[in-house]
Amino acid sequence: IVVSDEIYEHINYVGGHASMAQFDDMFNRTVTVNG
């Protein structure tokens, strides 16, 4: 199982934030954490 902590998602100076869960073969085994 993957835990992807994306709490700093918007504080990004290069653009193009990526999430592990965006891949169809990883979605059902990834927990996306944010706040």
Full PDB file with SEQRES, HELIX, SHEET, SSBOND, CRYST1, ORIGX, SCALE, CONECT and MASTER records, all heavy atoms in Angstrom:
SEQRES   1 A   35  ILE VAL VAL SER ASP GLU ILE TYR GLU HIS ILE ASN TYR          
SEQRES   2 A   35  VAL GLY GLY HIS ALA SER MET ALA GLN PHE ASP ASP MET          
SEQRES   3 A   35  PHE ASN ARG THR VAL THR VAL ASN GLY                          
HELIX    1 AA1 MET A   20  GLN A   22  5                                   3    
HELIX    2 AA2 PHE A   27  ARG A   29  5                                   3    
SHEET    1 AA1 2 VAL A   2  ASP A   5  0                                        
SHEET    2 AA1 2 THR A  30  VAL A  33  1                                        
CRYST1    1.000    1.000    1.000  90.00  90.00  90.00 P 1           1          
ORIGX1      1.000000  0.000000  0.000000        0.00000                         
ORIGX2      0.000000  1.000000  0.000000        0.00000                         
ORIGX3      0.000000  0.000000  1.000000        0.00000                         
SCALE1      1.000000  0.000000  0.000000        0.00000                         
SCALE2      0.000000  1.000000  0.000000        0.00000                         
SCALE3      0.000000  0.000000  1.000000        0.00000                         
ATOM      1  N   ILE A   1       0.857  -1.193   0.000  1.00  0.00           N  
ATOM      2  CA  ILE A   1       0.000   0.000   0.000  1.00  0.00           C  
ATOM      3  C   ILE A   1       0.895   1.246   0.000  1.00  0.00           C  
ATOM      4  O   ILE A   1       1.928   1.287   0.678  1.00  0.00           O  
ATOM      5  CB  ILE A   1      -0.909   0.002   1.243  1.00  0.00           C  
ATOM      6  CG1 ILE A   1      -1.804  -1.237   1.250  1.00  0.00           C  
ATOM      7  CG2 ILE A   1      -1.745   1.281   1.313  1.00  0.00           C  
ATOM      8  CD1 ILE A   1      -2.461  -1.500   2.590  1.00  0.00           C  
ATOM      9  N   VAL A   2       0.485   2.257  -0.746  1.00  0.00           N  
ATOM     10  CA  VAL A   2       1.241   3.513  -0.826  1.00  0.00           C  
ATOM     11  C   VAL A   2       0.489   4.605  -0.075  1.00  0.00           C  
ATOM     12  O   VAL A   2      -0.726   4.764  -0.256  1.00  0.00           O  
ATOM     13  CB  VAL A   2       1.450   3.942  -2.287  1.00  0.00           C  
ATOM     14  CG1 VAL A   2       2.168   5.296  -2.358  1.00  0.00           C  
ATOM     15  CG2 VAL A   2       2.246   2.891  -3.054  1.00  0.00           C  
ATOM     16  N   VAL A   3       1.197   5.355   0.758  1.00  0.00           N  
ATOM     17  CA  VAL A   3       0.646   6.548   1.392  1.00  0.00           C  
ATOM     18  C   VAL A   3       1.349   7.760   0.784  1.00  0.00           C  
ATOM     19  O   VAL A   3       2.565   7.916   0.928  1.00  0.00           O  
ATOM     20  CB  VAL A   3       0.833   6.526   2.924  1.00  0.00           C  
ATOM     21  CG1 VAL A   3       0.432   7.867   3.530  1.00  0.00           C  
ATOM     22  CG2 VAL A   3       0.008   5.404   3.545  1.00  0.00           C  
ATOM     23  N   SER A   4       0.579   8.578   0.094  1.00  0.00           N  
ATOM     24  CA  SER A   4       1.106   9.760  -0.577  1.00  0.00           C  
ATOM     25  C   SER A   4       0.645  11.003   0.176  1.00  0.00           C  
ATOM     26  O   SER A   4      -0.531  11.374   0.136  1.00  0.00           O  
ATOM     27  CB  SER A   4       0.610   9.805  -2.029  1.00  0.00           C  
ATOM     28  OG  SER A   4       1.016  10.995  -2.674  1.00  0.00           O  
ATOM     29  N   ASP A   5       1.571  11.633   0.882  1.00  0.00           N  
ATOM     30  CA  ASP A   5       1.284  12.813   1.700  1.00  0.00           C  
ATOM     31  C   ASP A   5       1.463  14.049   0.821  1.00  0.00           C  
ATOM     32  O   ASP A   5       2.581  14.385   0.437  1.00  0.00           O  
ATOM     33  CB  ASP A   5       2.245  12.833   2.893  1.00  0.00           C  
ATOM     34  CG  ASP A   5       2.016  14.013   3.824  1.00  0.00           C  
ATOM     35  OD1 ASP A   5       1.247  14.923   3.487  1.00  0.00           O  
ATOM     36  OD2 ASP A   5       2.647  14.022   4.912  1.00  0.00           O  
ATOM     37  N   GLU A   6       0.355  14.735   0.525  1.00  0.00           N  
ATOM     38  CA  GLU A   6       0.382  15.844  -0.434  1.00  0.00           C  
ATOM     39  C   GLU A   6      -0.032  17.165   0.204  1.00  0.00           C  
ATOM     40  O   GLU A   6      -0.591  18.043  -0.439  1.00  0.00           O  
ATOM     41  CB  GLU A   6      -0.498  15.488  -1.640  1.00  0.00           C  
ATOM     42  CG  GLU A   6      -0.045  14.188  -2.298  1.00  0.00           C  
ATOM     43  CD  GLU A   6      -0.853  13.774  -3.524  1.00  0.00           C  
ATOM     44  OE1 GLU A   6      -1.596  14.619  -4.071  1.00  0.00           O  
ATOM     45  OE2 GLU A   6      -0.727  12.603  -3.935  1.00  0.00           O  
ATOM     46  N   ILE A   7       0.277  17.314   1.502  1.00  0.00           N  
ATOM     47  CA  ILE A   7      -0.156  18.490   2.251  1.00  0.00           C  
ATOM     48  C   ILE A   7       0.438  19.787   1.693  1.00  0.00           C  
ATOM     49  O   ILE A   7      -0.150  20.856   1.833  1.00  0.00           O  
ATOM     50  CB  ILE A   7       0.201  18.322   3.750  1.00  0.00           C  
ATOM     51  CG1 ILE A   7      -0.458  19.407   4.615  1.00  0.00           C  
ATOM     52  CG2 ILE A   7       1.701  18.332   3.959  1.00  0.00           C  
ATOM     53  CD1 ILE A   7      -1.920  19.225   4.816  1.00  0.00           C  
ATOM     54  N   TYR A   8       1.601  19.708   1.018  1.00  0.00           N  
ATOM     55  CA  TYR A   8       2.233  20.908   0.457  1.00  0.00           C  
ATOM     56  C   TYR A   8       1.934  21.068  -1.041  1.00  0.00           C  
ATOM     57  O   TYR A   8       2.602  21.835  -1.731  1.00  0.00           O  
ATOM     58  CB  TYR A   8       3.753  20.853   0.664  1.00  0.00           C  
ATOM     59  CG  TYR A   8       4.154  20.995   2.107  1.00  0.00           C  
ATOM     60  CD1 TYR A   8       4.338  19.873   2.910  1.00  0.00           C  
ATOM     61  CD2 TYR A   8       4.345  22.246   2.686  1.00  0.00           C  
ATOM     62  CE1 TYR A   8       4.697  19.992   4.239  1.00  0.00           C  
ATOM     63  CE2 TYR A   8       4.705  22.379   4.011  1.00  0.00           C  
ATOM     64  CZ  TYR A   8       4.875  21.246   4.792  1.00  0.00           C  
ATOM     65  OH  TYR A   8       5.221  21.380   6.110  1.00  0.00           O  
ATOM     66  N   GLU A   9       0.946  20.356  -1.524  1.00  0.00           N  
ATOM     67  CA  GLU A   9       0.635  20.291  -2.950  1.00  0.00           C  
ATOM     68  C   GLU A   9       0.675  21.648  -3.656  1.00  0.00           C  
ATOM     69  O   GLU A   9       1.275  21.796  -4.732  1.00  0.00           O  
ATOM     70  CB  GLU A   9      -0.759  19.678  -3.123  1.00  0.00           C  
ATOM     71  CG  GLU A   9      -1.336  19.783  -4.508  1.00  0.00           C  
ATOM     72  CD  GLU A   9      -2.811  19.421  -4.554  1.00  0.00           C  
ATOM     73  OE1 GLU A   9      -3.417  19.243  -3.469  1.00  0.00           O  
ATOM     74  OE2 GLU A   9      -3.345  19.331  -5.662  1.00  0.00           O  
ATOM     75  N   HIS A  10       0.029  22.658  -3.087  1.00  0.00           N  
ATOM     76  CA  HIS A  10      -0.107  23.946  -3.782  1.00  0.00           C  
ATOM     77  C   HIS A  10       1.121  24.841  -3.637  1.00  0.00           C  
ATOM     78  O   HIS A  10       1.239  25.835  -4.359  1.00  0.00           O  
ATOM     79  CB  HIS A  10      -1.344  24.683  -3.279  1.00  0.00           C  
ATOM     80  CG  HIS A  10      -2.630  23.995  -3.619  1.00  0.00           C  
ATOM     81  ND1 HIS A  10      -2.953  23.603  -4.899  1.00  0.00           N  
ATOM     82  CD2 HIS A  10      -3.682  23.606  -2.828  1.00  0.00           C  
ATOM     83  CE1 HIS A  10      -4.141  23.030  -4.905  1.00  0.00           C  
ATOM     84  NE2 HIS A  10      -4.592  23.002  -3.655  1.00  0.00           N  
ATOM     85  N   ILE A  11       2.021  24.494  -2.713  1.00  0.00           N  
ATOM     86  CA  ILE A  11       3.250  25.294  -2.564  1.00  0.00           C  
ATOM     87  C   ILE A  11       4.297  24.645  -3.459  1.00  0.00           C  
ATOM     88  O   ILE A  11       5.171  23.910  -3.023  1.00  0.00           O  
ATOM     89  CB  ILE A  11       3.680  25.384  -1.089  1.00  0.00           C  
ATOM     90  CG1 ILE A  11       2.513  25.868  -0.228  1.00  0.00           C  
ATOM     91  CG2 ILE A  11       4.865  26.357  -0.945  1.00  0.00           C  
ATOM     92  CD1 ILE A  11       2.807  25.890   1.256  1.00  0.00           C  
ATOM     93  N   ASN A  12       4.154  24.932  -4.727  1.00  0.00           N  
ATOM     94  CA  ASN A  12       4.884  24.246  -5.795  1.00  0.00           C  
ATOM     95  C   ASN A  12       5.397  25.314  -6.758  1.00  0.00           C  
ATOM     96  O   ASN A  12       4.605  26.099  -7.287  1.00  0.00           O  
ATOM     97  CB  ASN A  12       3.918  23.278  -6.494  1.00  0.00           C  
ATOM     98  CG  ASN A  12       4.539  22.488  -7.620  1.00  0.00           C  
ATOM     99  OD1 ASN A  12       5.373  22.993  -8.365  1.00  0.00           O  
ATOM    100  ND2 ASN A  12       4.103  21.252  -7.786  1.00  0.00           N  
ATOM    101  N   TYR A  13       6.719  25.349  -6.958  1.00  0.00           N  
ATOM    102  CA  TYR A  13       7.319  26.407  -7.766  1.00  0.00           C  
ATOM    103  C   TYR A  13       7.625  25.968  -9.192  1.00  0.00           C  
ATOM    104  O   TYR A  13       8.127  26.764  -9.995  1.00  0.00           O  
ATOM    105  CB  TYR A  13       8.614  26.906  -7.099  1.00  0.00           C  
ATOM    106  CG  TYR A  13       8.435  27.179  -5.623  1.00  0.00           C  
ATOM    107  CD1 TYR A  13       9.215  26.539  -4.670  1.00  0.00           C  
ATOM    108  CD2 TYR A  13       7.468  28.068  -5.179  1.00  0.00           C  
ATOM    109  CE1 TYR A  13       9.035  26.772  -3.316  1.00  0.00           C  
ATOM    110  CE2 TYR A  13       7.276  28.313  -3.826  1.00  0.00           C  
ATOM    111  CZ  TYR A  13       8.071  27.663  -2.907  1.00  0.00           C  
ATOM    112  OH  TYR A  13       7.888  27.903  -1.566  1.00  0.00           O  
ATOM    113  N   VAL A  14       7.346  24.721  -9.516  1.00  0.00           N  
ATOM    114  CA  VAL A  14       7.647  24.212 -10.862  1.00  0.00           C  
ATOM    115  C   VAL A  14       6.394  23.769 -11.602  1.00  0.00           C  
ATOM    116  O   VAL A  14       6.430  23.526 -12.802  1.00  0.00           O  
ATOM    117  CB  VAL A  14       8.653  23.039 -10.800  1.00  0.00           C  
ATOM    118  CG1 VAL A  14       9.994  23.530 -10.270  1.00  0.00           C  
ATOM    119  CG2 VAL A  14       8.134  21.889  -9.951  1.00  0.00           C  
ATOM    120  N   GLY A  15       5.262  23.658 -10.906  1.00  0.00           N  
ATOM    121  CA  GLY A  15       4.015  23.260 -11.541  1.00  0.00           C  
ATOM    122  C   GLY A  15       3.955  21.769 -11.790  1.00  0.00           C  
ATOM    123  O   GLY A  15       4.913  21.037 -11.589  1.00  0.00           O  
ATOM    124  N   GLY A  16       2.781  21.313 -12.202  1.00  0.00           N  
ATOM    125  CA  GLY A  16       2.639  19.914 -12.575  1.00  0.00           C  
ATOM    126  C   GLY A  16       2.657  18.948 -11.411  1.00  0.00           C  
ATOM    127  O   GLY A  16       3.342  17.933 -11.467  1.00  0.00           O  
ATOM    128  N   HIS A  17       1.884  19.239 -10.351  1.00  0.00           N  
ATOM    129  CA  HIS A  17       1.831  18.306  -9.223  1.00  0.00           C  
ATOM    130  C   HIS A  17       1.292  16.955  -9.679  1.00  0.00           C  
ATOM    131  O   HIS A  17       0.310  16.876 -10.407  1.00  0.00           O  
ATOM    132  CB  HIS A  17       0.941  18.859  -8.118  1.00  0.00           C  
ATOM    133  CG  HIS A  17       0.758  17.906  -6.982  1.00  0.00           C  
ATOM    134  ND1 HIS A  17       1.707  17.749  -5.998  1.00  0.00           N  
ATOM    135  CD2 HIS A  17      -0.236  17.019  -6.692  1.00  0.00           C  
ATOM    136  CE1 HIS A  17       1.290  16.838  -5.136  1.00  0.00           C  
ATOM    137  NE2 HIS A  17       0.101  16.372  -5.536  1.00  0.00           N  
ATOM    138  N   ALA A  18       1.949  15.904  -9.241  1.00  0.00           N  
ATOM    139  CA  ALA A  18       1.561  14.545  -9.611  1.00  0.00           C  
ATOM    140  C   ALA A  18       1.191  13.740  -8.370  1.00  0.00           C  
ATOM    141  O   ALA A  18       1.810  13.893  -7.317  1.00  0.00           O  
ATOM    142  CB  ALA A  18       2.696  13.848 -10.363  1.00  0.00           C  
ATOM    143  N   SER A  19       0.167  12.884  -8.506  1.00  0.00           N  
ATOM    144  CA  SER A  19      -0.276  12.011  -7.428  1.00  0.00           C  
ATOM    145  C   SER A  19      -0.102  10.555  -7.846  1.00  0.00           C  
ATOM    146  O   SER A  19      -0.410  10.201  -8.988  1.00  0.00           O  
ATOM    147  CB  SER A  19      -1.755  12.262  -7.107  1.00  0.00           C  
ATOM    148  OG  SER A  19      -1.986  13.598  -6.693  1.00  0.00           O  
ATOM    149  N   MET A  20       0.356   9.726  -6.934  1.00  0.00           N  
ATOM    150  CA  MET A  20       0.506   8.303  -7.247  1.00  0.00           C  
ATOM    151  C   MET A  20      -0.833   7.681  -7.638  1.00  0.00           C  
ATOM    152  O   MET A  20      -0.905   6.810  -8.512  1.00  0.00           O  
ATOM    153  CB  MET A  20       1.112   7.571  -6.055  1.00  0.00           C  
ATOM    154  CG  MET A  20       1.354   6.087  -6.285  1.00  0.00           C  
ATOM    155  SD  MET A  20       2.631   5.744  -7.523  1.00  0.00           S  
ATOM    156  CE  MET A  20       4.129   5.886  -6.510  1.00  0.00           C  
ATOM    157  N   ALA A  21      -1.911   8.144  -7.020  1.00  0.00           N  
ATOM    158  CA  ALA A  21      -3.224   7.556  -7.280  1.00  0.00           C  
ATOM    159  C   ALA A  21      -3.762   7.871  -8.673  1.00  0.00           C  
ATOM    160  O   ALA A  21      -4.774   7.301  -9.088  1.00  0.00           O  
ATOM    161  CB  ALA A  21      -4.220   8.019  -6.220  1.00  0.00           C  
ATOM    162  N   GLN A  22      -3.104   8.783  -9.391  1.00  0.00           N  
ATOM    163  CA  GLN A  22      -3.588   9.135 -10.730  1.00  0.00           C  
ATOM    164  C   GLN A  22      -3.378   7.989 -11.730  1.00  0.00           C  
ATOM    165  O   GLN A  22      -4.002   7.980 -12.786  1.00  0.00           O  
ATOM    166  CB  GLN A  22      -2.901  10.392 -11.259  1.00  0.00           C  
ATOM    167  CG  GLN A  22      -1.446  10.211 -11.612  1.00  0.00           C  
ATOM    168  CD  GLN A  22      -0.748  11.525 -11.923  1.00  0.00           C  
ATOM    169  OE1 GLN A  22      -0.223  11.716 -12.997  1.00  0.00           O  
ATOM    170  NE2 GLN A  22      -0.770  12.448 -10.984  1.00  0.00           N  
ATOM    171  N   PHE A  23      -2.521   7.031 -11.383  1.00  0.00           N  
ATOM    172  CA  PHE A  23      -2.303   5.884 -12.253  1.00  0.00           C  
ATOM    173  C   PHE A  23      -3.374   4.833 -11.960  1.00  0.00           C  
ATOM    174  O   PHE A  23      -3.571   4.433 -10.806  1.00  0.00           O  
ATOM    175  CB  PHE A  23      -0.907   5.290 -12.031  1.00  0.00           C  
ATOM    176  CG  PHE A  23       0.211   6.282 -12.212  1.00  0.00           C  
ATOM    177  CD1 PHE A  23       1.101   6.542 -11.177  1.00  0.00           C  
ATOM    178  CD2 PHE A  23       0.379   6.959 -13.411  1.00  0.00           C  
ATOM    179  CE1 PHE A  23       2.129   7.457 -11.327  1.00  0.00           C  
ATOM    180  CE2 PHE A  23       1.402   7.873 -13.579  1.00  0.00           C  
ATOM    181  CZ  PHE A  23       2.283   8.127 -12.540  1.00  0.00           C  
ATOM    182  N   ASP A  24      -4.057   4.386 -12.993  1.00  0.00           N  
ATOM    183  CA  ASP A  24      -5.155   3.433 -12.810  1.00  0.00           C  
ATOM    184  C   ASP A  24      -4.718   2.181 -12.056  1.00  0.00           C  
ATOM    185  O   ASP A  24      -5.478   1.634 -11.248  1.00  0.00           O  
ATOM    186  CB  ASP A  24      -5.731   3.038 -14.175  1.00  0.00           C  
ATOM    187  CG  ASP A  24      -6.499   4.176 -14.834  1.00  0.00           C  
ATOM    188  OD1 ASP A  24      -6.872   5.128 -14.124  1.00  0.00           O  
ATOM    189  OD2 ASP A  24      -6.705   4.111 -16.064  1.00  0.00           O  
ATOM    190  N   ASP A  25      -3.475   1.739 -12.307  1.00  0.00           N  
ATOM    191  CA  ASP A  25      -3.012   0.505 -11.665  1.00  0.00           C  
ATOM    192  C   ASP A  25      -2.513   0.728 -10.235  1.00  0.00           C  
ATOM    193  O   ASP A  25      -2.089  -0.209  -9.567  1.00  0.00           O  
ATOM    194  CB  ASP A  25      -1.931  -0.178 -12.505  1.00  0.00           C  
ATOM    195  CG  ASP A  25      -0.764   0.755 -12.849  1.00  0.00           C  
ATOM    196  OD1 ASP A  25      -0.741   1.893 -12.349  1.00  0.00           O  
ATOM    197  OD2 ASP A  25       0.113   0.343 -13.641  1.00  0.00           O  
ATOM    198  N   MET A  26      -2.570   1.978  -9.752  1.00  0.00           N  
ATOM    199  CA  MET A  26      -2.168   2.278  -8.371  1.00  0.00           C  
ATOM    200  C   MET A  26      -3.308   2.848  -7.534  1.00  0.00           C  
ATOM    201  O   MET A  26      -3.210   2.931  -6.309  1.00  0.00           O  
ATOM    202  CB  MET A  26      -0.996   3.278  -8.362  1.00  0.00           C  
ATOM    203  CG  MET A  26       0.301   2.743  -8.940  1.00  0.00           C  
ATOM    204  SD  MET A  26       0.924   1.277  -8.069  1.00  0.00           S  
ATOM    205  CE  MET A  26       1.185   1.920  -6.427  1.00  0.00           C  
ATOM    206  N   PHE A  27      -4.403   3.234  -8.176  1.00  0.00           N  
ATOM    207  CA  PHE A  27      -5.485   3.936  -7.474  1.00  0.00           C  
ATOM    208  C   PHE A  27      -6.028   3.131  -6.303  1.00  0.00           C  
ATOM    209  O   PHE A  27      -6.235   3.663  -5.204  1.00  0.00           O  
ATOM    210  CB  PHE A  27      -6.613   4.265  -8.459  1.00  0.00           C  
ATOM    211  CG  PHE A  27      -7.757   5.016  -7.842  1.00  0.00           C  
ATOM    212  CD1 PHE A  27      -7.666   6.384  -7.605  1.00  0.00           C  
ATOM    213  CD2 PHE A  27      -8.925   4.352  -7.474  1.00  0.00           C  
ATOM    214  CE1 PHE A  27      -8.718   7.083  -7.024  1.00  0.00           C  
ATOM    215  CE2 PHE A  27      -9.989   5.039  -6.895  1.00  0.00           C  
ATOM    216  CZ  PHE A  27      -9.881   6.410  -6.675  1.00  0.00           C  
ATOM    217  N   ASN A  28      -6.264   1.853  -6.508  1.00  0.00           N  
ATOM    218  CA  ASN A  28      -6.897   1.028  -5.474  1.00  0.00           C  
ATOM    219  C   ASN A  28      -5.946   0.542  -4.391  1.00  0.00           C  
ATOM    220  O   ASN A  28      -6.328  -0.284  -3.546  1.00  0.00           O  
ATOM    221  CB  ASN A  28      -7.598  -0.172  -6.121  1.00  0.00           C  
ATOM    222  CG  ASN A  28      -8.866   0.227  -6.835  1.00  0.00           C  
ATOM    223  OD1 ASN A  28      -9.560   1.150  -6.407  1.00  0.00           O  
ATOM    224  ND2 ASN A  28      -9.176  -0.441  -7.932  1.00  0.00           N  
ATOM    225  N   ARG A  29      -4.727   1.046  -4.390  1.00  0.00           N  
ATOM    226  CA  ARG A  29      -3.777   0.673  -3.334  1.00  0.00           C  
ATOM    227  C   ARG A  29      -3.034   1.905  -2.815  1.00  0.00           C  
ATOM    228  O   ARG A  29      -2.010   1.778  -2.144  1.00  0.00           O  
ATOM    229  CB  ARG A  29      -2.786  -0.374  -3.853  1.00  0.00           C  
ATOM    230  CG  ARG A  29      -2.081   0.067  -5.132  1.00  0.00           C  
ATOM    231  CD  ARG A  29      -1.383  -1.082  -5.801  1.00  0.00           C  
ATOM    232  NE  ARG A  29      -0.204  -1.485  -5.070  1.00  0.00           N  
ATOM    233  CZ  ARG A  29       0.830  -2.119  -5.632  1.00  0.00           C  
ATOM    234  NH1 ARG A  29       0.808  -2.420  -6.926  1.00  0.00           N  
ATOM    235  NH2 ARG A  29       1.868  -2.460  -4.918  1.00  0.00           N  
ATOM    236  N   THR A  30      -3.560   3.098  -3.104  1.00  0.00           N  
ATOM    237  CA  THR A  30      -2.927   4.341  -2.671  1.00  0.00           C  
ATOM    238  C   THR A  30      -3.865   5.126  -1.774  1.00  0.00           C  
ATOM    239  O   THR A  30      -5.050   5.282  -2.073  1.00  0.00           O  
ATOM    240  CB  THR A  30      -2.550   5.215  -3.885  1.00  0.00           C  
ATOM    241  OG1 THR A  30      -1.613   4.499  -4.702  1.00  0.00           O  
ATOM    242  CG2 THR A  30      -1.916   6.523  -3.436  1.00  0.00           C  
ATOM    243  N   VAL A  31      -3.317   5.625  -0.669  1.00  0.00           N  
ATOM    244  CA  VAL A  31      -4.032   6.542   0.215  1.00  0.00           C  
ATOM    245  C   VAL A  31      -3.452   7.937  -0.014  1.00  0.00           C  
ATOM    246  O   VAL A  31      -2.255   8.156   0.190  1.00  0.00           O  
ATOM    247  CB  VAL A  31      -3.875   6.149   1.693  1.00  0.00           C  
ATOM    248  CG1 VAL A  31      -4.615   7.141   2.591  1.00  0.00           C  
ATOM    249  CG2 VAL A  31      -4.365   4.733   1.930  1.00  0.00           C  
ATOM    250  N   THR A  32      -4.290   8.854  -0.462  1.00  0.00           N  
ATOM    251  CA  THR A  32      -3.852  10.231  -0.698  1.00  0.00           C  
ATOM    252  C   THR A  32      -4.231  11.064   0.510  1.00  0.00           C  
ATOM    253  O   THR A  32      -5.413  11.172   0.864  1.00  0.00           O  
ATOM    254  CB  THR A  32      -4.505  10.808  -1.967  1.00  0.00           C  
ATOM    255  OG1 THR A  32      -4.245   9.939  -3.070  1.00  0.00           O  
ATOM    256  CG2 THR A  32      -3.947  12.185  -2.275  1.00  0.00           C  
ATOM    257  N   VAL A  33      -3.222  11.642   1.158  1.00  0.00           N  
ATOM    258  CA  VAL A  33      -3.422  12.429   2.380  1.00  0.00           C  
ATOM    259  C   VAL A  33      -3.227  13.908   2.049  1.00  0.00           C  
ATOM    260  O   VAL A  33      -2.267  14.283   1.367  1.00  0.00           O  
ATOM    261  CB  VAL A  33      -2.419  12.012   3.479  1.00  0.00           C  
ATOM    262  CG1 VAL A  33      -2.635  12.828   4.751  1.00  0.00           C  
ATOM    263  CG2 VAL A  33      -2.536  10.524   3.773  1.00  0.00           C  
ATOM    264  N   ASN A  34      -4.150  14.740   2.528  1.00  0.00           N  
ATOM    265  CA  ASN A  34      -4.022  16.170   2.277  1.00  0.00           C  
ATOM    266  C   ASN A  34      -4.692  16.934   3.411  1.00  0.00           C  
ATOM    267  O   ASN A  34      -5.160  16.343   4.381  1.00  0.00           O  
ATOM    268  CB  ASN A  34      -4.627  16.530   0.906  1.00  0.00           C  
ATOM    269  CG  ASN A  34      -3.904  17.691   0.234  1.00  0.00           C  
ATOM    270  OD1 ASN A  34      -3.518  18.657   0.887  1.00  0.00           O  
ATOM    271  ND2 ASN A  34      -3.728  17.593  -1.074  1.00  0.00           N  
ATOM    272  N   GLY A  35      -4.718  18.248   3.299  1.00  0.00           N  
ATOM    273  CA  GLY A  35      -5.301  19.097   4.327  1.00  0.00           C  
ATOM    274  C   GLY A  35      -5.144  20.546   3.936  1.00  0.00           C  
ATOM    275  O   GLY A  35      -4.693  20.868   2.837  1.00  0.00           O  
TER     276      GLY A  35                                                      
MASTER        0    0    0    2    2    0    0    6  275    1    0    3          
END                                                                             
